[in-house]
């Protein structure tokens, strides 16, 4: 296991967070999965932390934060563009060819002289920042892109775009 991955897992365990080590990706990186929410007040969020095999970075991803309703692709693009303009450190996008779900992304760069525990701290801070932005942005985004065309509440549109 990479030193950065192990340090991240150690930090998660010391913070009492549950995780799943997914192991190596096809490209040789290592992935750790966490699940947040899932109660009656919040949808379940799946966060991946993927550590580069060269030890120089980690990719944080919140998968399927928003499911886009049929016929709402253009509304989703507008909402993504607005979110990307508002939130500096997190990118909202469609992953690959999937234009029915929205993903949040953040990349964390490690300096060569950084100790693994500091790399883990950066990932945890990034994770908290992503979750905070997701909590702020995603409810309005869901309201805009999950209703059939023409049924989107004005309050949701103005909250997102105003």
Protein backbone atom coordinates (compact mmCIF):
# COMPACT_ATOMS: atom_id res chain seq x y z
CA UNK A 1 0.00 0.00 0.00
CA UNK A 2 1.24 3.52 -0.79
CA UNK A 3 2.44 5.60 2.14
CA UNK A 4 -0.10 8.33 1.32
CA UNK A 5 -2.95 5.83 1.17
CA UNK A 6 -1.92 4.31 4.50
CA UNK A 7 -1.65 7.75 6.13
CA UNK A 8 -5.12 8.65 4.83
CA UNK A 9 -6.59 5.42 6.20
CA UNK A 10 -4.87 6.02 9.55
CA UNK A 11 -6.41 9.50 9.66
CA UNK A 12 -9.88 8.18 8.78
CA UNK A 13 -9.62 5.57 11.52
CA UNK A 14 -8.46 8.15 14.08
CA UNK A 15 -11.45 10.33 13.10
CA UNK A 16 -13.80 7.34 13.42
CA UNK A 17 -14.83 7.39 9.75
CA UNK A 18 -15.82 4.20 7.95
CA UNK A 19 -14.18 3.50 4.63
CA UNK A 20 -13.55 0.72 2.17
CA UNK A 21 -10.14 0.14 0.60
CA UNK A 22 -10.90 -0.65 -3.04
CA UNK A 23 -7.31 -1.51 -3.87
CA UNK A 24 -5.49 -0.83 -7.12
CA UNK A 25 -7.14 0.76 -10.14
CA UNK A 26 -6.39 -0.35 -13.70
CA UNK A 27 -3.80 2.42 -13.91
CA UNK A 28 -1.98 1.29 -10.75
CA UNK A 29 -3.36 3.98 -8.41
CA UNK A 30 -5.04 3.11 -5.10
CA UNK A 31 -8.65 3.95 -4.26
CA UNK A 32 -10.49 4.42 -0.98
CA UNK A 33 -14.28 4.80 -0.82
CA UNK A 34 -16.39 6.58 1.80
CA UNK A 35 -20.17 6.95 2.07
CA UNK A 36 -21.83 9.94 3.73
CA UNK A 37 -25.48 10.70 4.46
CA UNK A 38 -28.19 8.35 3.38
CA UNK A 39 -30.66 9.26 6.12
CA UNK A 40 -34.12 10.75 5.62
CA UNK A 41 -32.68 14.29 5.36
CA UNK A 42 -29.87 13.67 2.88
CA UNK A 43 -29.15 11.48 -0.08
CA UNK A 44 -26.23 9.09 0.16
CA UNK A 45 -22.98 10.54 -1.21
CA UNK A 46 -20.18 8.28 -2.46
CA UNK A 47 -16.73 9.84 -2.21
CA UNK A 48 -13.65 8.28 -3.78
CA UNK A 49 -10.09 9.24 -2.92
CA UNK A 50 -7.69 7.95 -5.55
CA UNK A 51 -3.98 8.14 -4.71
CA UNK A 52 -1.54 8.38 -7.61
CA UNK A 53 1.09 5.65 -7.69
CA UNK A 54 3.82 8.30 -8.05
CA UNK A 55 2.83 9.70 -4.62
CA UNK A 56 2.37 13.21 -6.00
CA UNK A 57 -1.40 13.68 -5.87
CA UNK A 58 -4.84 12.43 -4.96
CA UNK A 59 -8.11 12.75 -6.85
CA UNK A 60 -11.24 13.31 -4.75
CA UNK A 61 -14.54 12.50 -6.45
CA UNK A 62 -18.16 12.62 -5.29
CA UNK A 63 -19.97 10.28 -7.65
CA UNK A 64 -23.55 10.66 -8.85
CA UNK A 65 -24.25 13.74 -6.73
CA UNK A 66 -27.18 14.60 -9.00
CA UNK A 67 -29.14 12.43 -11.40
CA UNK A 68 -30.32 14.38 -14.45
CA UNK A 69 -33.90 13.77 -15.60
CA UNK A 70 -34.61 12.86 -19.20
CA UNK A 71 -34.73 16.00 -21.33
CA UNK A 72 -32.95 18.17 -18.72
CA UNK A 73 -29.41 17.97 -20.14
CA UNK A 74 -29.31 21.64 -21.20
CA UNK A 75 -30.61 22.75 -17.79
CA UNK A 76 -27.93 20.61 -16.18
CA UNK A 77 -25.19 22.17 -18.32
CA UNK A 78 -26.33 25.66 -17.29
CA UNK A 79 -26.43 24.62 -13.62
CA UNK A 80 -22.94 23.07 -13.89
CA UNK A 81 -21.57 26.21 -15.50
CA UNK A 82 -23.05 28.35 -12.72
CA UNK A 83 -21.64 26.08 -10.00
CA UNK A 84 -18.20 26.05 -11.63
CA UNK A 85 -18.23 29.86 -11.66
CA UNK A 86 -19.30 30.05 -7.99
CA UNK A 87 -17.13 27.40 -6.37
CA UNK A 88 -13.42 27.85 -6.77
CA UNK A 89 -11.92 24.54 -5.68
CA UNK A 90 -14.50 21.99 -6.81
CA UNK A 91 -15.38 21.16 -10.41
CA UNK A 92 -18.92 20.05 -11.31
CA UNK A 93 -19.04 17.87 -14.43
CA UNK A 94 -20.47 14.91 -16.28
CA UNK A 95 -18.08 11.95 -15.87
CA UNK A 96 -16.98 10.65 -19.23
CA UNK A 97 -19.85 9.71 -21.52
CA UNK A 98 -22.45 9.66 -18.72
CA UNK A 99 -24.61 12.74 -19.17
CA UNK A 100 -27.26 11.56 -16.73
CA UNK A 101 -25.28 12.09 -13.53
CA UNK A 102 -23.23 14.95 -12.09
CA UNK A 103 -19.89 14.37 -10.39
CA UNK A 104 -17.88 16.74 -8.16
CA UNK A 105 -14.10 16.66 -8.53
CA UNK A 106 -11.10 18.04 -6.66
CA UNK A 107 -7.44 17.26 -7.21
CA UNK A 108 -4.95 17.55 -4.36
CA UNK A 109 -1.28 18.10 -5.18
CA UNK A 110 1.42 16.91 -2.78
CA UNK A 111 4.86 18.48 -2.68
CA UNK A 112 7.76 15.99 -2.86
CA UNK A 113 9.01 16.98 0.60
CA UNK A 114 5.62 16.49 2.31
CA UNK A 115 5.26 13.79 4.94
CA UNK A 116 2.44 11.27 4.26
CA UNK A 117 0.47 12.44 7.32
CA UNK A 118 0.39 15.99 5.89
CA UNK A 119 -0.80 14.59 2.56
CA UNK A 120 -3.58 12.79 4.45
CA UNK A 121 -4.49 16.04 6.25
CA UNK A 122 -4.81 17.81 2.89
CA UNK A 123 -7.09 15.07 1.59
CA UNK A 124 -9.29 15.21 4.69
CA UNK A 125 -9.52 19.02 4.45
CA UNK A 126 -10.35 18.71 0.76
CA UNK A 127 -12.96 16.08 1.53
CA UNK A 128 -14.63 18.36 4.11
CA UNK A 129 -14.53 21.30 1.69
CA UNK A 130 -16.13 19.17 -1.06
CA UNK A 131 -18.86 17.91 1.27
CA UNK A 132 -19.63 21.47 2.39
CA UNK A 133 -19.86 22.74 -1.18
CA UNK A 134 -21.94 19.72 -2.13
CA UNK A 135 -24.35 20.41 0.76
CA UNK A 136 -24.69 24.02 -0.39
CA UNK A 137 -24.87 23.58 -4.17
CA UNK A 138 -26.44 20.21 -4.85
CA UNK A 139 -29.96 20.71 -3.39
CA UNK A 140 -30.57 23.65 -5.73
CA UNK A 141 -28.97 21.76 -8.61
CA UNK A 142 -31.22 18.76 -7.97
CA UNK A 143 -34.29 20.97 -7.98
CA UNK A 144 -33.32 22.41 -11.37
CA UNK A 145 -32.42 19.23 -13.25
CA UNK A 146 -34.59 16.53 -11.69
CA UNK A 147 -38.03 17.97 -12.52
CA UNK A 148 -39.63 17.51 -15.94
CA UNK A 149 -39.16 20.48 -18.26
CA UNK A 150 -41.41 23.37 -17.26
CA UNK A 151 -42.10 22.01 -13.75
CA UNK A 152 -38.96 23.39 -12.10
CA UNK A 153 -39.92 25.60 -9.12
CA UNK A 154 -38.93 29.25 -9.60
CA UNK A 155 -37.47 29.37 -6.09
CA UNK A 156 -35.02 26.59 -7.00
CA UNK A 157 -33.97 28.36 -10.19
CA UNK A 158 -33.45 31.68 -8.43
CA UNK A 159 -31.54 29.99 -5.59
CA UNK A 160 -29.22 28.40 -8.10
CA UNK A 161 -28.86 31.23 -10.60
CA UNK A 162 -29.60 34.30 -8.49
